[in-house]
Amino acid sequence: MDKLKHLKTRKDARLYFNKNQPVAVRCLTGKCNFEAKIQNVSSSGIFISTHQDLQIGEEIAIKFTFPKSGNQVQATGEVVRTSDAGIAVEIKVYFQDKRRHYRSRISSNSHNSRFIS
């Protein structure tokens, strides 16, 4: 119950991915290029499970695909939190093609916090 109470106080609902079917994300910074796994995503950010040594304030480009819909997300952001589990990235710019609007896609995909299998 505490988890649900916590989600209601968040600015953006989070979309959590099933650990049995992790979603890969490609990441590019000024000093490294790596692939990692997404723990959760919202319309304003993403938490990436990684052991990369990134600093708060560091710029990062990310690219991943939602497993069920196939919607691809490309964005740039800034590392806003680091921990032993990974990094939190605040999305600054979403890149889109003419057919999709990623911010609304992420918002609609994360309208209710849920697990993706």
N, C-alpha and C. Protein backbone atom coordinates (compact mmCIF):
# COMPACT_ATOMS: atom_id res chain seq x y z
N MET A 1 0.81 -1.20 0.00
CA MET A 1 0.00 0.00 0.00
C MET A 1 0.86 1.26 0.00
N ASP A 2 1.99 1.24 0.70
CA ASP A 2 2.86 2.41 0.73
C ASP A 2 3.36 2.77 -0.66
N LYS A 3 3.60 1.75 -1.50
CA LYS A 3 4.06 2.02 -2.86
C LYS A 3 3.00 2.79 -3.64
N LEU A 4 1.74 2.41 -3.52
CA LEU A 4 0.67 3.10 -4.23
C LEU A 4 0.53 4.53 -3.75
N LYS A 5 0.64 4.74 -2.44
CA LYS A 5 0.56 6.08 -1.88
C LYS A 5 1.69 6.95 -2.43
N HIS A 6 2.89 6.37 -2.52
CA HIS A 6 4.04 7.07 -3.05
C HIS A 6 3.83 7.47 -4.51
N LEU A 7 3.24 6.57 -5.32
CA LEU A 7 3.02 6.87 -6.73
C LEU A 7 2.05 8.03 -6.93
N LYS A 8 1.05 8.12 -6.06
CA LYS A 8 0.07 9.20 -6.19
C LYS A 8 0.68 10.57 -5.95
N THR A 9 1.79 10.65 -5.22
CA THR A 9 2.42 11.93 -4.92
C THR A 9 3.46 12.31 -5.98
N ARG A 10 3.79 11.41 -6.90
CA ARG A 10 4.78 11.70 -7.93
C ARG A 10 4.22 12.68 -8.95
N LYS A 11 5.13 13.47 -9.52
CA LYS A 11 4.75 14.41 -10.57
C LYS A 11 4.25 13.67 -11.81
N ASP A 12 4.94 12.61 -12.20
CA ASP A 12 4.59 11.81 -13.37
C ASP A 12 4.48 10.35 -12.95
N ALA A 13 3.48 9.66 -13.49
CA ALA A 13 3.36 8.23 -13.23
C ALA A 13 4.53 7.51 -13.89
N ARG A 14 4.98 6.45 -13.27
CA ARG A 14 6.09 5.67 -13.79
C ARG A 14 5.56 4.40 -14.46
N LEU A 15 6.26 3.99 -15.50
CA LEU A 15 5.99 2.75 -16.18
C LEU A 15 7.15 1.82 -15.85
N TYR A 16 6.87 0.72 -15.13
CA TYR A 16 7.90 -0.22 -14.71
C TYR A 16 7.92 -1.40 -15.68
N PHE A 17 9.12 -1.81 -16.05
CA PHE A 17 9.27 -2.93 -16.97
C PHE A 17 9.50 -4.21 -16.20
N ASN A 18 8.98 -5.31 -16.71
CA ASN A 18 9.11 -6.63 -16.11
C ASN A 18 10.58 -7.04 -16.11
N LYS A 19 11.10 -7.46 -14.96
CA LYS A 19 12.50 -7.86 -14.86
C LYS A 19 12.81 -9.10 -15.68
N ASN A 20 11.81 -9.92 -15.98
CA ASN A 20 12.02 -11.12 -16.78
C ASN A 20 12.17 -10.80 -18.26
N GLN A 21 11.76 -9.61 -18.65
CA GLN A 21 11.87 -9.19 -20.04
C GLN A 21 12.36 -7.74 -20.07
N PRO A 22 13.64 -7.52 -19.70
CA PRO A 22 14.14 -6.15 -19.59
C PRO A 22 14.20 -5.43 -20.94
N VAL A 23 14.09 -4.12 -20.87
CA VAL A 23 14.13 -3.29 -22.07
C VAL A 23 15.50 -2.63 -22.15
N ALA A 24 16.17 -2.86 -23.26
CA ALA A 24 17.51 -2.30 -23.46
C ALA A 24 17.42 -0.85 -23.89
N VAL A 25 18.39 -0.07 -23.45
CA VAL A 25 18.50 1.32 -23.85
C VAL A 25 19.94 1.58 -24.29
N ARG A 26 20.09 2.26 -25.41
CA ARG A 26 21.42 2.66 -25.87
C ARG A 26 21.69 4.06 -25.34
N CYS A 27 22.86 4.25 -24.79
CA CYS A 27 23.21 5.53 -24.16
C CYS A 27 24.52 6.05 -24.74
N LEU A 28 24.56 7.36 -24.91
CA LEU A 28 25.75 8.02 -25.43
C LEU A 28 26.00 9.28 -24.61
N THR A 29 27.21 9.39 -24.07
CA THR A 29 27.61 10.60 -23.36
C THR A 29 28.86 11.14 -24.03
N GLY A 30 29.38 12.23 -23.51
CA GLY A 30 30.60 12.80 -24.06
C GLY A 30 31.82 11.91 -23.87
N LYS A 31 31.73 10.97 -22.94
CA LYS A 31 32.90 10.13 -22.66
C LYS A 31 32.69 8.63 -22.88
N CYS A 32 31.45 8.18 -23.11
CA CYS A 32 31.25 6.74 -23.32
C CYS A 32 29.97 6.46 -24.09
N ASN A 33 29.91 5.26 -24.64
CA ASN A 33 28.78 4.73 -25.38
C ASN A 33 28.50 3.37 -24.78
N PHE A 34 27.28 3.13 -24.28
CA PHE A 34 27.00 1.86 -23.62
C PHE A 34 25.54 1.46 -23.77
N GLU A 35 25.27 0.19 -23.51
CA GLU A 35 23.90 -0.32 -23.49
C GLU A 35 23.60 -0.76 -22.07
N ALA A 36 22.37 -0.50 -21.62
CA ALA A 36 21.96 -0.85 -20.26
C ALA A 36 20.49 -1.27 -20.28
N LYS A 37 19.93 -1.47 -19.11
CA LYS A 37 18.53 -1.87 -18.98
C LYS A 37 17.74 -0.76 -18.30
N ILE A 38 16.49 -0.59 -18.74
CA ILE A 38 15.60 0.42 -18.16
C ILE A 38 14.88 -0.19 -16.96
N GLN A 39 14.86 0.54 -15.87
CA GLN A 39 14.08 0.11 -14.71
C GLN A 39 12.66 0.70 -14.78
N ASN A 40 12.58 2.01 -15.08
CA ASN A 40 11.27 2.64 -15.25
C ASN A 40 11.40 3.89 -16.10
N VAL A 41 10.25 4.35 -16.61
CA VAL A 41 10.22 5.51 -17.49
C VAL A 41 8.95 6.30 -17.22
N SER A 42 9.03 7.62 -17.40
CA SER A 42 7.87 8.49 -17.31
C SER A 42 7.98 9.52 -18.42
N SER A 43 7.03 10.43 -18.49
CA SER A 43 7.08 11.44 -19.55
C SER A 43 8.22 12.43 -19.33
N SER A 44 8.75 12.50 -18.11
CA SER A 44 9.82 13.48 -17.86
C SER A 44 11.17 12.86 -17.59
N GLY A 45 11.25 11.53 -17.49
CA GLY A 45 12.54 10.94 -17.20
C GLY A 45 12.57 9.43 -17.29
N ILE A 46 13.76 8.90 -16.98
CA ILE A 46 14.01 7.47 -17.10
C ILE A 46 15.03 7.07 -16.05
N PHE A 47 14.87 5.86 -15.48
CA PHE A 47 15.89 5.33 -14.58
C PHE A 47 16.55 4.17 -15.29
N ILE A 48 17.87 4.24 -15.42
CA ILE A 48 18.65 3.25 -16.15
C ILE A 48 19.52 2.48 -15.18
N SER A 49 19.40 1.16 -15.20
CA SER A 49 20.25 0.31 -14.37
C SER A 49 21.61 0.18 -15.04
N THR A 50 22.63 0.73 -14.40
CA THR A 50 23.98 0.71 -14.98
C THR A 50 25.02 0.91 -13.89
N HIS A 51 26.23 0.45 -14.18
CA HIS A 51 27.36 0.68 -13.28
C HIS A 51 28.33 1.69 -13.89
N GLN A 52 27.91 2.37 -14.96
CA GLN A 52 28.74 3.41 -15.57
C GLN A 52 28.96 4.55 -14.58
N ASP A 53 30.13 5.10 -14.57
CA ASP A 53 30.47 6.19 -13.66
C ASP A 53 30.11 7.53 -14.31
N LEU A 54 28.85 7.92 -14.17
CA LEU A 54 28.38 9.18 -14.73
C LEU A 54 28.16 10.18 -13.60
N GLN A 55 28.26 11.44 -13.93
CA GLN A 55 28.14 12.51 -12.93
C GLN A 55 26.82 13.25 -13.07
N ILE A 56 26.33 13.75 -11.97
CA ILE A 56 25.13 14.60 -12.00
C ILE A 56 25.44 15.81 -12.87
N GLY A 57 24.51 16.14 -13.75
CA GLY A 57 24.69 17.25 -14.68
C GLY A 57 25.23 16.82 -16.04
N GLU A 58 25.68 15.59 -16.14
CA GLU A 58 26.23 15.11 -17.41
C GLU A 58 25.12 14.92 -18.43
N GLU A 59 25.37 15.35 -19.67
CA GLU A 59 24.40 15.19 -20.75
C GLU A 59 24.47 13.77 -21.28
N ILE A 60 23.30 13.24 -21.68
CA ILE A 60 23.23 11.87 -22.18
C ILE A 60 22.15 11.79 -23.26
N ALA A 61 22.43 11.02 -24.30
CA ALA A 61 21.45 10.72 -25.35
C ALA A 61 21.01 9.28 -25.15
N ILE A 62 19.71 9.03 -25.29
CA ILE A 62 19.18 7.68 -25.10
C ILE A 62 18.30 7.29 -26.27
N LYS A 63 18.20 5.97 -26.47
CA LYS A 63 17.35 5.42 -27.53
C LYS A 63 16.87 4.05 -27.08
N PHE A 64 15.54 3.84 -27.11
CA PHE A 64 14.98 2.55 -26.75
C PHE A 64 13.63 2.37 -27.44
N THR A 65 13.12 1.14 -27.39
CA THR A 65 11.84 0.80 -28.02
C THR A 65 10.92 0.16 -27.00
N PHE A 66 9.67 0.65 -26.92
CA PHE A 66 8.68 0.01 -26.05
C PHE A 66 8.40 -1.39 -26.59
N PRO A 67 8.40 -2.40 -25.71
CA PRO A 67 8.29 -3.79 -26.18
C PRO A 67 6.98 -4.15 -26.88
N LYS A 68 5.85 -3.75 -26.38
CA LYS A 68 4.57 -4.16 -26.98
C LYS A 68 4.20 -3.32 -28.20
N SER A 69 4.36 -2.01 -28.10
CA SER A 69 3.92 -1.13 -29.17
C SER A 69 4.94 -0.97 -30.28
N GLY A 70 6.21 -1.17 -29.96
CA GLY A 70 7.26 -0.95 -30.95
C GLY A 70 7.61 0.51 -31.13
N ASN A 71 6.99 1.41 -30.33
CA ASN A 71 7.30 2.83 -30.42
C ASN A 71 8.73 3.07 -29.97
N GLN A 72 9.49 3.74 -30.82
CA GLN A 72 10.88 4.02 -30.51
C GLN A 72 11.01 5.42 -29.92
N VAL A 73 11.82 5.54 -28.90
CA VAL A 73 12.06 6.82 -28.24
C VAL A 73 13.52 7.19 -28.40
N GLN A 74 13.76 8.41 -28.84
CA GLN A 74 15.10 8.98 -28.90
C GLN A 74 15.02 10.32 -28.19
N ALA A 75 15.94 10.54 -27.26
CA ALA A 75 15.89 11.77 -26.47
C ALA A 75 17.27 12.12 -25.94
N THR A 76 17.39 13.35 -25.50
CA THR A 76 18.58 13.77 -24.78
C THR A 76 18.13 14.28 -23.42
N GLY A 77 19.02 14.15 -22.47
CA GLY A 77 18.68 14.59 -21.13
C GLY A 77 19.92 14.84 -20.29
N GLU A 78 19.67 14.91 -19.00
CA GLU A 78 20.72 15.22 -18.05
C GLU A 78 20.61 14.27 -16.86
N VAL A 79 21.76 13.75 -16.42
CA VAL A 79 21.79 12.89 -15.24
C VAL A 79 21.45 13.76 -14.04
N VAL A 80 20.39 13.39 -13.30
CA VAL A 80 19.96 14.18 -12.14
C VAL A 80 20.16 13.44 -10.82
N ARG A 81 20.41 12.13 -10.91
CA ARG A 81 20.66 11.36 -9.69
C ARG A 81 21.47 10.13 -10.04
N THR A 82 22.40 9.76 -9.16
CA THR A 82 23.16 8.52 -9.33
C THR A 82 23.04 7.70 -8.06
N SER A 83 23.11 6.38 -8.22
CA SER A 83 23.09 5.47 -7.07
C SER A 83 23.82 4.20 -7.47
N ASP A 84 23.97 3.29 -6.53
CA ASP A 84 24.59 2.01 -6.85
C ASP A 84 23.76 1.23 -7.86
N ALA A 85 22.45 1.51 -7.93
CA ALA A 85 21.55 0.79 -8.84
C ALA A 85 21.56 1.36 -10.25
N GLY A 86 21.96 2.63 -10.42
CA GLY A 86 21.95 3.22 -11.75
C GLY A 86 21.86 4.73 -11.73
N ILE A 87 21.27 5.27 -12.80
CA ILE A 87 21.17 6.73 -12.95
C ILE A 87 19.75 7.14 -13.30
N ALA A 88 19.36 8.30 -12.80
CA ALA A 88 18.09 8.92 -13.17
C ALA A 88 18.40 10.03 -14.16
N VAL A 89 17.68 10.04 -15.26
CA VAL A 89 17.90 11.02 -16.32
C VAL A 89 16.63 11.83 -16.50
N GLU A 90 16.77 13.15 -16.43
CA GLU A 90 15.65 14.04 -16.76
C GLU A 90 15.71 14.31 -18.25
N ILE A 91 14.61 14.03 -18.95
CA ILE A 91 14.57 14.23 -20.39
C ILE A 91 14.41 15.72 -20.69
N LYS A 92 15.26 16.23 -21.56
CA LYS A 92 15.21 17.64 -21.96
C LYS A 92 14.60 17.81 -23.35
N VAL A 93 14.98 16.95 -24.30
CA VAL A 93 14.51 17.06 -25.68
C VAL A 93 14.15 15.67 -26.21
N TYR A 94 12.93 15.53 -26.72
CA TYR A 94 12.50 14.31 -27.40
C TYR A 94 12.65 14.54 -28.89
N PHE A 95 13.20 13.56 -29.59
CA PHE A 95 13.27 13.62 -31.04
C PHE A 95 12.13 12.79 -31.59
N GLN A 96 11.49 13.30 -32.60
CA GLN A 96 10.33 12.60 -33.14
C GLN A 96 10.36 12.62 -34.65
N ASP A 97 9.72 11.59 -35.22
CA ASP A 97 9.51 11.63 -36.66
C ASP A 97 8.15 12.26 -36.89
N LYS A 98 7.74 12.39 -38.11
CA LYS A 98 6.50 13.09 -38.43
C LYS A 98 5.25 12.31 -38.01
N ARG A 99 5.39 11.02 -37.72
CA ARG A 99 4.23 10.20 -37.41
C ARG A 99 3.98 10.03 -35.91
N ARG A 100 4.95 10.37 -35.07
CA ARG A 100 4.79 10.08 -33.63
C ARG A 100 5.19 11.28 -32.79
N HIS A 101 4.57 11.36 -31.67
CA HIS A 101 4.92 12.36 -30.68
C HIS A 101 5.27 11.61 -29.41
N TYR A 102 6.55 11.48 -29.10
CA TYR A 102 7.01 10.59 -28.04
C TYR A 102 6.55 10.99 -26.65
N ARG A 103 6.53 12.27 -26.35
CA ARG A 103 6.13 12.67 -25.01
C ARG A 103 4.70 12.21 -24.73
N SER A 104 3.81 12.38 -25.69
CA SER A 104 2.44 11.94 -25.46
C SER A 104 2.37 10.42 -25.43
N ARG A 105 3.19 9.72 -26.20
CA ARG A 105 3.22 8.26 -26.19
C ARG A 105 3.65 7.76 -24.82
N ILE A 106 4.70 8.35 -24.27
CA ILE A 106 5.18 7.92 -22.97
C ILE A 106 4.13 8.25 -21.92
N SER A 107 3.54 9.43 -22.01
CA SER A 107 2.50 9.79 -21.05
C SER A 107 1.33 8.83 -21.11
N SER A 108 0.90 8.48 -22.31
CA SER A 108 -0.25 7.56 -22.42
C SER A 108 0.14 6.16 -22.00
N ASN A 109 1.38 5.75 -22.27
CA ASN A 109 1.84 4.44 -21.84
C ASN A 109 2.01 4.37 -20.33
N SER A 110 2.27 5.51 -19.67
CA SER A 110 2.51 5.49 -18.23
C SER A 110 1.36 6.14 -17.46
N HIS A 111 0.20 6.32 -18.10
CA HIS A 111 -0.94 6.95 -17.45
C HIS A 111 -1.24 6.30 -16.12
N ASN A 112 -1.29 5.01 -16.08
CA ASN A 112 -1.42 4.27 -14.83
C ASN A 112 -0.14 3.47 -14.68
N SER A 113 0.52 3.61 -13.55
CA SER A 113 1.75 2.87 -13.33
C SER A 113 1.44 1.38 -13.41
N ARG A 114 2.19 0.67 -14.22
CA ARG A 114 1.94 -0.75 -14.39
C ARG A 114 3.20 -1.43 -14.90
N PHE A 115 3.19 -2.73 -14.87
CA PHE A 115 4.32 -3.49 -15.37
C PHE A 115 4.09 -3.86 -16.81
N ILE A 116 5.15 -3.89 -17.59
CA ILE A 116 5.11 -4.30 -18.97
C ILE A 116 5.78 -5.67 -19.05
N SER A 117 5.14 -6.60 -19.70
CA SER A 117 5.77 -7.92 -19.85
C SER A 117 6.35 -8.09 -21.23
